[in-house]
């Protein structure tokens, strides 16, 4: 059993590793898996997922220790969460409620879960949900620390999404420019083609 100072040192080491990992990684899939793995380690969880909120609604973007059957079961439940103008107030609690209920039912009440909202620049990005096979109470300090990590993770995810979008747009522009190689463009002095 870890003593309190050992636990705090381990927690600090995880947070430093997380800060390094999430600021260095721009591949969204790798970043999500790394965030999920580190969160599961911090919370002593044996499984977890990251559900993301996008244009198509809620979906599982990454998971750790979950079966394919559970993914198939979760997909329509998350997709059924209605969009709302204030997702932090209405959608996040509903997603958390769904995941908590699944944790209770799937384990016959032996498993608990903790959801950490991912919010960056006042925009709901998603939620990290960790399944644990024991009842545990987090102190207020632990919850503040975990939410701070989730906020950092949300910013890193948003940066990776922007990087991916920029890379895709750059590819489109390059493809367009390559198609103009055989054309001659005449530009007027006022920069009109």
Foldseek 3Di string as FASTA:
>chain_A
DDDPVRLVVVLVVLLVVLLVLLVPDLALLVLQAVLLVSVCVNVVFQKKFWWWQDPQFIATSDIHPDDPVVRVVVGVLRSPQDDDPQCVVRVVVSNQVVVQVCLCVVVVHQKGKDKAFQAEPNRTTTIIMGIHRHDDDDDPVRVVSVNVSSPSSSVSSVSSVVVVVVVVVVVVVVVVVVVCPPPDDDADPVRDD
